[in-house]
């Protein structure tokens, strides 16, 4: 997903908000699919994410329930321009961050 800006960004115009899956599930799928394509140079996202990303969204719901602050959208004024997914695994103790 590519975002075009019509004016220089100001820090005051940016904010992070928790992902609202009810309102923005389609945006989550678009960002995650785009990150898959950019990382792996192929579009195989739906192979593991299920039709329309349903399996990905269910996993996202579960992870967000365990660590709500780890799943956010970056907003520029009234537009979502990015997505961050963070998770911490207990064994081994390790963290992951997906920037989309």
PDB file of N, CA and C in Angstrom:
ATOM      1  N   UNK A   1       0.849  -1.155   0.000  1.00  0.00           N
ATOM      2  CA  UNK A   1       0.000   0.000   0.000  1.00  0.00           C
ATOM      3  C   UNK A   1       0.903   1.228   0.000  1.00  0.00           C
ATOM      4  N   UNK A   2       0.704   2.116  -0.918  1.00  0.00           N
ATOM      5  CA  UNK A   2       1.508   3.329  -1.014  1.00  0.00           C
ATOM      6  C   UNK A   2       0.663   4.529  -0.616  1.00  0.00           C
ATOM      7  N   UNK A   3       1.264   5.414   0.160  1.00  0.00           N
ATOM      8  CA  UNK A   3       0.575   6.599   0.651  1.00  0.00           C
ATOM      9  C   UNK A   3       1.241   7.827   0.043  1.00  0.00           C
ATOM     10  N   UNK A   4       0.453   8.719  -0.521  1.00  0.00           N
ATOM     11  CA  UNK A   4       0.976   9.979  -1.063  1.00  0.00           C
ATOM     12  C   UNK A   4       0.577  11.112  -0.127  1.00  0.00           C
ATOM     13  N   UNK A   5       1.503  12.013   0.118  1.00  0.00           N
ATOM     14  CA  UNK A   5       1.236  13.141   1.001  1.00  0.00           C
ATOM     15  C   UNK A   5       1.195  14.415   0.184  1.00  0.00           C
ATOM     16  N   UNK A   6       0.208  15.238   0.475  1.00  0.00           N
ATOM     17  CA  UNK A   6       0.046  16.477  -0.275  1.00  0.00           C
ATOM     18  C   UNK A   6       0.776  17.654   0.361  1.00  0.00           C
ATOM     19  N   UNK A   7       1.323  17.462   1.552  1.00  0.00           N
ATOM     20  CA  UNK A   7       2.049  18.530   2.244  1.00  0.00           C
ATOM     21  C   UNK A   7       3.053  17.884   3.197  1.00  0.00           C
ATOM     22  N   UNK A   8       4.074  18.635   3.606  1.00  0.00           N
ATOM     23  CA  UNK A   8       5.030  18.075   4.564  1.00  0.00           C
ATOM     24  C   UNK A   8       4.326  17.649   5.854  1.00  0.00           C
ATOM     25  N   UNK A   9       4.787  16.541   6.423  1.00  0.00           N
ATOM     26  CA  UNK A   9       4.199  16.053   7.669  1.00  0.00           C
ATOM     27  C   UNK A   9       4.755  16.814   8.854  1.00  0.00           C
ATOM     28  N   UNK A  10       3.899  17.052   9.824  1.00  0.00           N
ATOM     29  CA  UNK A  10       4.307  17.620  11.100  1.00  0.00           C
ATOM     30  C   UNK A  10       4.098  16.546  12.155  1.00  0.00           C
ATOM     31  N   UNK A  11       4.933  16.548  13.158  1.00  0.00           N
ATOM     32  CA  UNK A  11       4.822  15.540  14.207  1.00  0.00           C
ATOM     33  C   UNK A  11       3.439  15.559  14.847  1.00  0.00           C
ATOM     34  N   UNK A  12       2.852  16.731  14.982  1.00  0.00           N
ATOM     35  CA  UNK A  12       1.525  16.838  15.594  1.00  0.00           C
ATOM     36  C   UNK A  12       0.445  16.153  14.766  1.00  0.00           C
ATOM     37  N   UNK A  13       0.721  15.913  13.489  1.00  0.00           N
ATOM     38  CA  UNK A  13      -0.257  15.278  12.608  1.00  0.00           C
ATOM     39  C   UNK A  13      -0.218  13.755  12.700  1.00  0.00           C
ATOM     40  N   UNK A  14       0.756  13.206  13.440  1.00  0.00           N
ATOM     41  CA  UNK A  14       0.930  11.755  13.536  1.00  0.00           C
ATOM     42  C   UNK A  14       0.525  11.250  14.909  1.00  0.00           C
ATOM     43  N   UNK A  15      -0.089  10.068  14.944  1.00  0.00           N
ATOM     44  CA  UNK A  15      -0.372   9.430  16.231  1.00  0.00           C
ATOM     45  C   UNK A  15      -0.537   7.930  16.034  1.00  0.00           C
ATOM     46  N   UNK A  16      -0.283   7.193  17.104  1.00  0.00           N
ATOM     47  CA  UNK A  16      -0.504   5.754  17.129  1.00  0.00           C
ATOM     48  C   UNK A  16      -1.810   5.485  17.852  1.00  0.00           C
ATOM     49  N   UNK A  17      -2.605   4.577  17.293  1.00  0.00           N
ATOM     50  CA  UNK A  17      -3.848   4.148  17.937  1.00  0.00           C
ATOM     51  C   UNK A  17      -3.923   2.632  17.853  1.00  0.00           C
ATOM     52  N   UNK A  18      -4.476   2.024  18.890  1.00  0.00           N
ATOM     53  CA  UNK A  18      -4.680   0.574  18.858  1.00  0.00           C
ATOM     54  C   UNK A  18      -5.496   0.198  17.632  1.00  0.00           C
ATOM     55  N   UNK A  19      -5.162  -0.937  17.054  1.00  0.00           N
ATOM     56  CA  UNK A  19      -5.901  -1.411  15.885  1.00  0.00           C
ATOM     57  C   UNK A  19      -7.335  -1.735  16.293  1.00  0.00           C
ATOM     58  N   UNK A  20      -8.270  -1.208  15.552  1.00  0.00           N
ATOM     59  CA  UNK A  20      -9.691  -1.508  15.728  1.00  0.00           C
ATOM     60  C   UNK A  20     -10.067  -2.509  14.634  1.00  0.00           C
ATOM     61  N   UNK A  21     -10.036  -3.789  14.988  1.00  0.00           N
ATOM     62  CA  UNK A  21     -10.272  -4.823  13.977  1.00  0.00           C
ATOM     63  C   UNK A  21     -11.680  -4.775  13.396  1.00  0.00           C
ATOM     64  N   UNK A  22     -12.649  -4.378  14.186  1.00  0.00           N
ATOM     65  CA  UNK A  22     -14.015  -4.298  13.654  1.00  0.00           C
ATOM     66  C   UNK A  22     -14.109  -3.255  12.549  1.00  0.00           C
ATOM     67  N   UNK A  23     -13.412  -2.149  12.719  1.00  0.00           N
ATOM     68  CA  UNK A  23     -13.484  -1.062  11.743  1.00  0.00           C
ATOM     69  C   UNK A  23     -12.452  -1.181  10.628  1.00  0.00           C
ATOM     70  N   UNK A  24     -11.290  -1.813  10.911  1.00  0.00           N
ATOM     71  CA  UNK A  24     -10.176  -1.743   9.961  1.00  0.00           C
ATOM     72  C   UNK A  24      -9.549  -3.090   9.612  1.00  0.00           C
ATOM     73  N   UNK A  25     -10.310  -4.162   9.665  1.00  0.00           N
ATOM     74  CA  UNK A  25      -9.763  -5.482   9.317  1.00  0.00           C
ATOM     75  C   UNK A  25      -9.224  -5.494   7.893  1.00  0.00           C
ATOM     76  N   UNK A  26      -9.939  -4.865   6.966  1.00  0.00           N
ATOM     77  CA  UNK A  26      -9.486  -4.848   5.572  1.00  0.00           C
ATOM     78  C   UNK A  26      -8.158  -4.115   5.422  1.00  0.00           C
ATOM     79  N   UNK A  27      -7.960  -3.056   6.192  1.00  0.00           N
ATOM     80  CA  UNK A  27      -6.702  -2.305   6.154  1.00  0.00           C
ATOM     81  C   UNK A  27      -5.567  -3.175   6.695  1.00  0.00           C
ATOM     82  N   UNK A  28      -5.837  -3.912   7.770  1.00  0.00           N
ATOM     83  CA  UNK A  28      -4.824  -4.809   8.337  1.00  0.00           C
ATOM     84  C   UNK A  28      -4.368  -5.830   7.302  1.00  0.00           C
ATOM     85  N   UNK A  29      -5.320  -6.422   6.598  1.00  0.00           N
ATOM     86  CA  UNK A  29      -4.988  -7.415   5.577  1.00  0.00           C
ATOM     87  C   UNK A  29      -4.169  -6.770   4.462  1.00  0.00           C
ATOM     88  N   UNK A  30      -4.541  -5.579   4.022  1.00  0.00           N
ATOM     89  CA  UNK A  30      -3.796  -4.897   2.953  1.00  0.00           C
ATOM     90  C   UNK A  30      -2.357  -4.616   3.368  1.00  0.00           C
ATOM     91  N   UNK A  31      -2.173  -4.086   4.582  1.00  0.00           N
ATOM     92  CA  UNK A  31      -0.818  -3.782   5.044  1.00  0.00           C
ATOM     93  C   UNK A  31       0.012  -5.054   5.204  1.00  0.00           C
ATOM     94  N   UNK A  32      -0.570  -6.087   5.794  1.00  0.00           N
ATOM     95  CA  UNK A  32       0.185  -7.322   6.027  1.00  0.00           C
ATOM     96  C   UNK A  32       0.543  -7.993   4.706  1.00  0.00           C
ATOM     97  N   UNK A  33      -0.382  -7.984   3.767  1.00  0.00           N
ATOM     98  CA  UNK A  33      -0.107  -8.559   2.447  1.00  0.00           C
ATOM     99  C   UNK A  33       1.025  -7.787   1.768  1.00  0.00           C
ATOM    100  N   UNK A  34       0.980  -6.467   1.848  1.00  0.00           N
ATOM    101  CA  UNK A  34       2.023  -5.644   1.243  1.00  0.00           C
ATOM    102  C   UNK A  34       3.381  -5.943   1.871  1.00  0.00           C
ATOM    103  N   UNK A  35       3.420  -6.117   3.192  1.00  0.00           N
ATOM    104  CA  UNK A  35       4.701  -6.420   3.845  1.00  0.00           C
ATOM    105  C   UNK A  35       5.219  -7.788   3.407  1.00  0.00           C
ATOM    106  N   UNK A  36       4.318  -8.724   3.178  1.00  0.00           N
ATOM    107  CA  UNK A  36       4.686 -10.054   2.704  1.00  0.00           C
ATOM    108  C   UNK A  36       5.332  -9.947   1.325  1.00  0.00           C
ATOM    109  N   UNK A  37       4.717  -9.185   0.442  1.00  0.00           N
ATOM    110  CA  UNK A  37       5.239  -9.009  -0.916  1.00  0.00           C
ATOM    111  C   UNK A  37       6.604  -8.316  -0.876  1.00  0.00           C
ATOM    112  N   UNK A  38       6.724  -7.268  -0.065  1.00  0.00           N
ATOM    113  CA  UNK A  38       7.995  -6.536   0.022  1.00  0.00           C
ATOM    114  C   UNK A  38       9.104  -7.404   0.613  1.00  0.00           C
ATOM    115  N   UNK A  39       8.775  -8.220   1.602  1.00  0.00           N
ATOM    116  CA  UNK A  39       9.784  -9.049   2.267  1.00  0.00           C
ATOM    117  C   UNK A  39      10.199 -10.253   1.438  1.00  0.00           C
ATOM    118  N   UNK A  40       9.228 -10.897   0.795  1.00  0.00           N
ATOM    119  CA  UNK A  40       9.500 -12.162   0.113  1.00  0.00           C
ATOM    120  C   UNK A  40       9.489 -12.063  -1.405  1.00  0.00           C
ATOM    121  N   UNK A  41       9.180 -10.888  -1.919  1.00  0.00           N
ATOM    122  CA  UNK A  41       9.162 -10.631  -3.367  1.00  0.00           C
ATOM    123  C   UNK A  41       8.192 -11.541  -4.120  1.00  0.00           C
ATOM    124  N   UNK A  42       7.142 -11.961  -3.434  1.00  0.00           N
ATOM    125  CA  UNK A  42       6.086 -12.728  -4.103  1.00  0.00           C
ATOM    126  C   UNK A  42       4.793 -12.559  -3.323  1.00  0.00           C
ATOM    127  N   UNK A  43       3.686 -12.783  -3.989  1.00  0.00           N
ATOM    128  CA  UNK A  43       2.385 -12.613  -3.353  1.00  0.00           C
ATOM    129  C   UNK A  43       1.812 -13.975  -2.996  1.00  0.00           C
ATOM    130  N   UNK A  44       2.251 -14.501  -1.856  1.00  0.00           N
ATOM    131  CA  UNK A  44       1.721 -15.766  -1.375  1.00  0.00           C
ATOM    132  C   UNK A  44       1.029 -15.599  -0.037  1.00  0.00           C
ATOM    133  N   UNK A  45       0.695 -14.367   0.309  1.00  0.00           N
ATOM    134  CA  UNK A  45       0.115 -14.073   1.620  1.00  0.00           C
ATOM    135  C   UNK A  45      -1.114 -14.923   1.908  1.00  0.00           C
ATOM    136  N   UNK A  46      -2.030 -15.016   0.942  1.00  0.00           N
ATOM    137  CA  UNK A  46      -3.287 -15.711   1.194  1.00  0.00           C
ATOM    138  C   UNK A  46      -3.116 -17.223   1.281  1.00  0.00           C
ATOM    139  N   UNK A  47      -1.955 -17.752   0.875  1.00  0.00           N
ATOM    140  CA  UNK A  47      -1.697 -19.188   1.019  1.00  0.00           C
ATOM    141  C   UNK A  47      -1.779 -19.604   2.487  1.00  0.00           C
ATOM    142  N   UNK A  48      -1.263 -18.770   3.381  1.00  0.00           N
ATOM    143  CA  UNK A  48      -1.284 -19.088   4.805  1.00  0.00           C
ATOM    144  C   UNK A  48      -2.288 -18.285   5.597  1.00  0.00           C
ATOM    145  N   UNK A  49      -2.815 -17.230   4.996  1.00  0.00           N
ATOM    146  CA  UNK A  49      -3.715 -16.326   5.716  1.00  0.00           C
ATOM    147  C   UNK A  49      -5.183 -16.675   5.531  1.00  0.00           C
ATOM    148  N   UNK A  50      -5.464 -17.626   4.651  1.00  0.00           N
ATOM    149  CA  UNK A  50      -6.849 -17.999   4.391  1.00  0.00           C
ATOM    150  C   UNK A  50      -7.526 -17.032   3.439  1.00  0.00           C
ATOM    151  N   UNK A  51      -8.714 -17.416   2.958  1.00  0.00           N
ATOM    152  CA  UNK A  51      -9.442 -16.552   2.029  1.00  0.00           C
ATOM    153  C   UNK A  51      -9.744 -15.196   2.671  1.00  0.00           C
ATOM    154  N   UNK A  52      -9.424 -14.140   1.957  1.00  0.00           N
ATOM    155  CA  UNK A  52      -9.624 -12.767   2.448  1.00  0.00           C
ATOM    156  C   UNK A  52      -8.889 -12.488   3.758  1.00  0.00           C
ATOM    157  N   UNK A  53      -7.904 -13.333   4.097  1.00  0.00           N
ATOM    158  CA  UNK A  53      -7.103 -13.111   5.302  1.00  0.00           C
ATOM    159  C   UNK A  53      -7.777 -13.525   6.596  1.00  0.00           C
ATOM    160  N   UNK A  54      -8.810 -14.378   6.537  1.00  0.00           N
ATOM    161  CA  UNK A  54      -9.567 -14.718   7.748  1.00  0.00           C
ATOM    162  C   UNK A  54      -8.699 -15.388   8.813  1.00  0.00           C
ATOM    163  N   UNK A  55      -7.782 -16.259   8.413  1.00  0.00           N
ATOM    164  CA  UNK A  55      -6.920 -16.931   9.391  1.00  0.00           C
ATOM    165  C   UNK A  55      -5.929 -15.939  10.007  1.00  0.00           C
ATOM    166  N   UNK A  56      -5.381 -15.064   9.177  1.00  0.00           N
ATOM    167  CA  UNK A  56      -4.495 -14.008   9.686  1.00  0.00           C
ATOM    168  C   UNK A  56      -5.238 -13.132  10.691  1.00  0.00           C
ATOM    169  N   UNK A  57      -6.462 -12.716  10.357  1.00  0.00           N
ATOM    170  CA  UNK A  57      -7.230 -11.840  11.246  1.00  0.00           C
ATOM    171  C   UNK A  57      -7.566 -12.527  12.566  1.00  0.00           C
ATOM    172  N   UNK A  58      -7.874 -13.812  12.532  1.00  0.00           N
ATOM    173  CA  UNK A  58      -8.159 -14.537  13.774  1.00  0.00           C
ATOM    174  C   UNK A  58      -6.909 -14.601  14.647  1.00  0.00           C
ATOM    175  N   UNK A  59      -5.758 -14.873  14.042  1.00  0.00           N
ATOM    176  CA  UNK A  59      -4.504 -14.869  14.795  1.00  0.00           C
ATOM    177  C   UNK A  59      -4.198 -13.493  15.361  1.00  0.00           C
ATOM    178  N   UNK A  60      -4.462 -12.460  14.572  1.00  0.00           N
ATOM    179  CA  UNK A  60      -4.244 -11.088  15.030  1.00  0.00           C
ATOM    180  C   UNK A  60      -5.149 -10.773  16.220  1.00  0.00           C
ATOM    181  N   UNK A  61      -6.404 -11.195  16.156  1.00  0.00           N
ATOM    182  CA  UNK A  61      -7.334 -10.994  17.288  1.00  0.00           C
ATOM    183  C   UNK A  61      -6.791 -11.644  18.562  1.00  0.00           C
ATOM    184  N   UNK A  62      -6.316 -12.871  18.426  1.00  0.00           N
ATOM    185  CA  UNK A  62      -5.800 -13.600  19.594  1.00  0.00           C
ATOM    186  C   UNK A  62      -4.549 -12.934  20.159  1.00  0.00           C
ATOM    187  N   UNK A  63      -3.625 -12.545  19.286  1.00  0.00           N
ATOM    188  CA  UNK A  63      -2.395 -11.891  19.756  1.00  0.00           C
ATOM    189  C   UNK A  63      -2.705 -10.533  20.377  1.00  0.00           C
ATOM    190  N   UNK A  64      -3.636  -9.805  19.782  1.00  0.00           N
ATOM    191  CA  UNK A  64      -4.000  -8.492  20.313  1.00  0.00           C
ATOM    192  C   UNK A  64      -4.665  -8.629  21.688  1.00  0.00           C
ATOM    193  N   UNK A  65      -5.423  -9.688  21.899  1.00  0.00           N
ATOM    194  CA  UNK A  65      -6.053  -9.915  23.206  1.00  0.00           C
ATOM    195  C   UNK A  65      -4.993 -10.157  24.287  1.00  0.00           C
ATOM    196  N   UNK A  66      -3.878 -10.816  23.925  1.00  0.00           N
ATOM    197  CA  UNK A  66      -2.802 -11.088  24.884  1.00  0.00           C
ATOM    198  C   UNK A  66      -1.912  -9.873  25.129  1.00  0.00           C
ATOM    199  N   UNK A  67      -1.723  -9.031  24.113  1.00  0.00           N
ATOM    200  CA  UNK A  67      -0.803  -7.891  24.210  1.00  0.00           C
ATOM    201  C   UNK A  67      -1.403  -6.715  23.440  1.00  0.00           C
ATOM    202  N   UNK A  68      -2.444  -6.079  23.988  1.00  0.00           N
ATOM    203  CA  UNK A  68      -3.182  -5.039  23.257  1.00  0.00           C
ATOM    204  C   UNK A  68      -2.327  -3.859  22.786  1.00  0.00           C
ATOM    205  N   UNK A  69      -1.334  -3.472  23.575  1.00  0.00           N
ATOM    206  CA  UNK A  69      -0.519  -2.317  23.190  1.00  0.00           C
ATOM    207  C   UNK A  69       0.454  -2.632  22.059  1.00  0.00           C
ATOM    208  N   UNK A  70       0.563  -3.884  21.681  1.00  0.00           N
ATOM    209  CA  UNK A  70       1.522  -4.281  20.662  1.00  0.00           C
ATOM    210  C   UNK A  70       1.010  -4.214  19.235  1.00  0.00           C
ATOM    211  N   UNK A  71      -0.233  -3.800  19.046  1.00  0.00           N
ATOM    212  CA  UNK A  71      -0.836  -3.813  17.710  1.00  0.00           C
ATOM    213  C   UNK A  71      -1.473  -2.457  17.452  1.00  0.00           C
ATOM    214  N   UNK A  72      -0.778  -1.650  16.642  1.00  0.00           N
ATOM    215  CA  UNK A  72      -1.207  -0.265  16.451  1.00  0.00           C
ATOM    216  C   UNK A  72      -1.184   0.130  14.979  1.00  0.00           C
ATOM    217  N   UNK A  73      -2.017   1.099  14.677  1.00  0.00           N
ATOM    218  CA  UNK A  73      -1.962   1.773  13.382  1.00  0.00           C
ATOM    219  C   UNK A  73      -1.331   3.138  13.595  1.00  0.00           C
ATOM    220  N   UNK A  74      -0.565   3.557  12.610  1.00  0.00           N
ATOM    221  CA  UNK A  74      -0.014   4.904  12.587  1.00  0.00           C
ATOM    222  C   UNK A  74      -0.947   5.751  11.735  1.00  0.00           C
ATOM    223  N   UNK A  75      -1.413   6.833  12.316  1.00  0.00           N
ATOM    224  CA  UNK A  75      -2.352   7.731  11.641  1.00  0.00           C
ATOM    225  C   UNK A  75      -1.663   9.041  11.285  1.00  0.00           C
ATOM    226  N   UNK A  76      -1.932   9.537  10.099  1.00  0.00           N
ATOM    227  CA  UNK A  76      -1.571  10.892   9.690  1.00  0.00           C
ATOM    228  C   UNK A  76      -2.892  11.625   9.493  1.00  0.00           C
ATOM    229  N   UNK A  77      -3.193  12.479  10.436  1.00  0.00           N
ATOM    230  CA  UNK A  77      -4.497  13.147  10.479  1.00  0.00           C
ATOM    231  C   UNK A  77      -5.606  12.099  10.498  1.00  0.00           C
ATOM    232  N   UNK A  78      -6.362  11.962   9.418  1.00  0.00           N
ATOM    233  CA  UNK A  78      -7.485  11.017   9.416  1.00  0.00           C
ATOM    234  C   UNK A  78      -7.230   9.790   8.544  1.00  0.00           C
ATOM    235  N   UNK A  79      -5.957   9.531   8.189  1.00  0.00           N
ATOM    236  CA  UNK A  79      -5.617   8.385   7.342  1.00  0.00           C
ATOM    237  C   UNK A  79      -4.677   7.437   8.073  1.00  0.00           C
ATOM    238  N   UNK A  80      -4.932   6.152   7.921  1.00  0.00           N
ATOM    239  CA  UNK A  80      -4.006   5.144   8.437  1.00  0.00           C
ATOM    240  C   UNK A  80      -2.876   5.011   7.420  1.00  0.00           C
ATOM    241  N   UNK A  81      -1.635   5.218   7.885  1.00  0.00           N
ATOM    242  CA  UNK A  81      -0.497   5.163   6.963  1.00  0.00           C
ATOM    243  C   UNK A  81       0.504   4.063   7.313  1.00  0.00           C
ATOM    244  N   UNK A  82       0.267   3.338   8.394  1.00  0.00           N
ATOM    245  CA  UNK A  82       1.184   2.268   8.763  1.00  0.00           C
ATOM    246  C   UNK A  82       0.584   1.368   9.821  1.00  0.00           C
ATOM    247  N   UNK A  83       1.237   0.246  10.019  1.00  0.00           N
ATOM    248  CA  UNK A  83       0.760  -0.744  10.986  1.00  0.00           C
ATOM    249  C   UNK A  83       1.972  -1.393  11.631  1.00  0.00           C
ATOM    250  N   UNK A  84       1.931  -1.538  12.948  1.00  0.00           N
ATOM    251  CA  UNK A  84       2.995  -2.215  13.681  1.00  0.00           C
ATOM    252  C   UNK A  84       2.369  -3.351  14.476  1.00  0.00           C
ATOM    253  N   UNK A  85       2.969  -4.531  14.343  1.00  0.00           N
ATOM    254  CA  UNK A  85       2.536  -5.701  15.102  1.00  0.00           C
ATOM    255  C   UNK A  85       3.729  -6.181  15.916  1.00  0.00           C
ATOM    256  N   UNK A  86       3.582  -6.197  17.238  1.00  0.00           N
ATOM    257  CA  UNK A  86       4.662  -6.636  18.126  1.00  0.00           C
ATOM    258  C   UNK A  86       4.158  -7.794  18.970  1.00  0.00           C
ATOM    259  N   UNK A  87       5.016  -8.776  19.174  1.00  0.00           N
ATOM    260  CA  UNK A  87       4.651  -9.865  20.073  1.00  0.00           C
ATOM    261  C   UNK A  87       5.878 -10.338  20.828  1.00  0.00           C
ATOM    262  N   UNK A  88       5.644 -10.828  22.021  1.00  0.00           N
ATOM    263  CA  UNK A  88       6.713 -11.356  22.859  1.00  0.00           C
ATOM    264  C   UNK A  88       6.395 -12.817  23.137  1.00  0.00           C
ATOM    265  N   UNK A  89       7.342 -13.677  22.829  1.00  0.00           N
ATOM    266  CA  UNK A  89       7.182 -15.099  23.096  1.00  0.00           C
ATOM    267  C   UNK A  89       7.877 -15.435  24.414  1.00  0.00           C
ATOM    268  N   UNK A  90       7.299 -16.348  25.163  1.00  0.00           N
ATOM    269  CA  UNK A  90       7.855 -16.715  26.469  1.00  0.00           C
ATOM    270  C   UNK A  90       9.029 -17.683  26.351  1.00  0.00           C
ATOM    271  N   UNK A  91       8.915 -18.689  25.511  1.00  0.00           N
ATOM    272  CA  UNK A  91       9.975 -19.696  25.374  1.00  0.00           C
ATOM    273  C   UNK A  91      10.324 -19.888  23.917  1.00  0.00           C
ATOM    274  N   UNK A  92      11.484 -19.559  23.469  1.00  0.00           N
ATOM    275  CA  UNK A  92      12.472 -18.776  24.192  1.00  0.00           C
ATOM    276  C   UNK A  92      12.000 -17.331  24.309  1.00  0.00           C
ATOM    277  N   UNK A  93      12.481 -16.624  25.293  1.00  0.00           N
ATOM    278  CA  UNK A  93      12.088 -15.230  25.531  1.00  0.00           C
ATOM    279  C   UNK A  93      12.629 -14.385  24.382  1.00  0.00           C
ATOM    280  N   UNK A  94      11.740 -14.013  23.481  1.00  0.00           N
ATOM    281  CA  UNK A  94      12.147 -13.288  22.277  1.00  0.00           C
ATOM    282  C   UNK A  94      10.985 -12.409  21.825  1.00  0.00           C
ATOM    283  N   UNK A  95      11.292 -11.324  21.158  1.00  0.00           N
ATOM    284  CA  UNK A  95      10.255 -10.436  20.653  1.00  0.00           C
ATOM    285  C   UNK A  95      10.343 -10.281  19.149  1.00  0.00           C
ATOM    286  N   UNK A  96       9.206 -10.020  18.532  1.00  0.00           N
ATOM    287  CA  UNK A  96       9.122  -9.800  17.091  1.00  0.00           C
ATOM    288  C   UNK A  96       8.383  -8.497  16.832  1.00  0.00           C
ATOM    289  N   UNK A  97       8.824  -7.778  15.807  1.00  0.00           N
ATOM    290  CA  UNK A  97       8.123  -6.569  15.371  1.00  0.00           C
ATOM    291  C   UNK A  97       7.943  -6.666  13.864  1.00  0.00           C
ATOM    292  N   UNK A  98       6.715  -6.521  13.409  1.00  0.00           N
ATOM    293  CA  UNK A  98       6.417  -6.458  11.980  1.00  0.00           C
ATOM    294  C   UNK A  98       5.972  -5.044  11.662  1.00  0.00           C
ATOM    295  N   UNK A  99       6.680  -4.398  10.768  1.00  0.00           N
ATOM    296  CA  UNK A  99       6.324  -3.058  10.324  1.00  0.00           C
ATOM    297  C   UNK A  99       5.652  -3.187   8.975  1.00  0.00           C
ATOM    298  N   UNK A 100       4.454  -2.685   8.877  1.00  0.00           N
ATOM    299  CA  UNK A 100       3.738  -2.798   7.614  1.00  0.00           C
ATOM    300  C   UNK A 100       3.176  -1.473   7.200  1.00  0.00           C
TER     301      UNK A 100
END
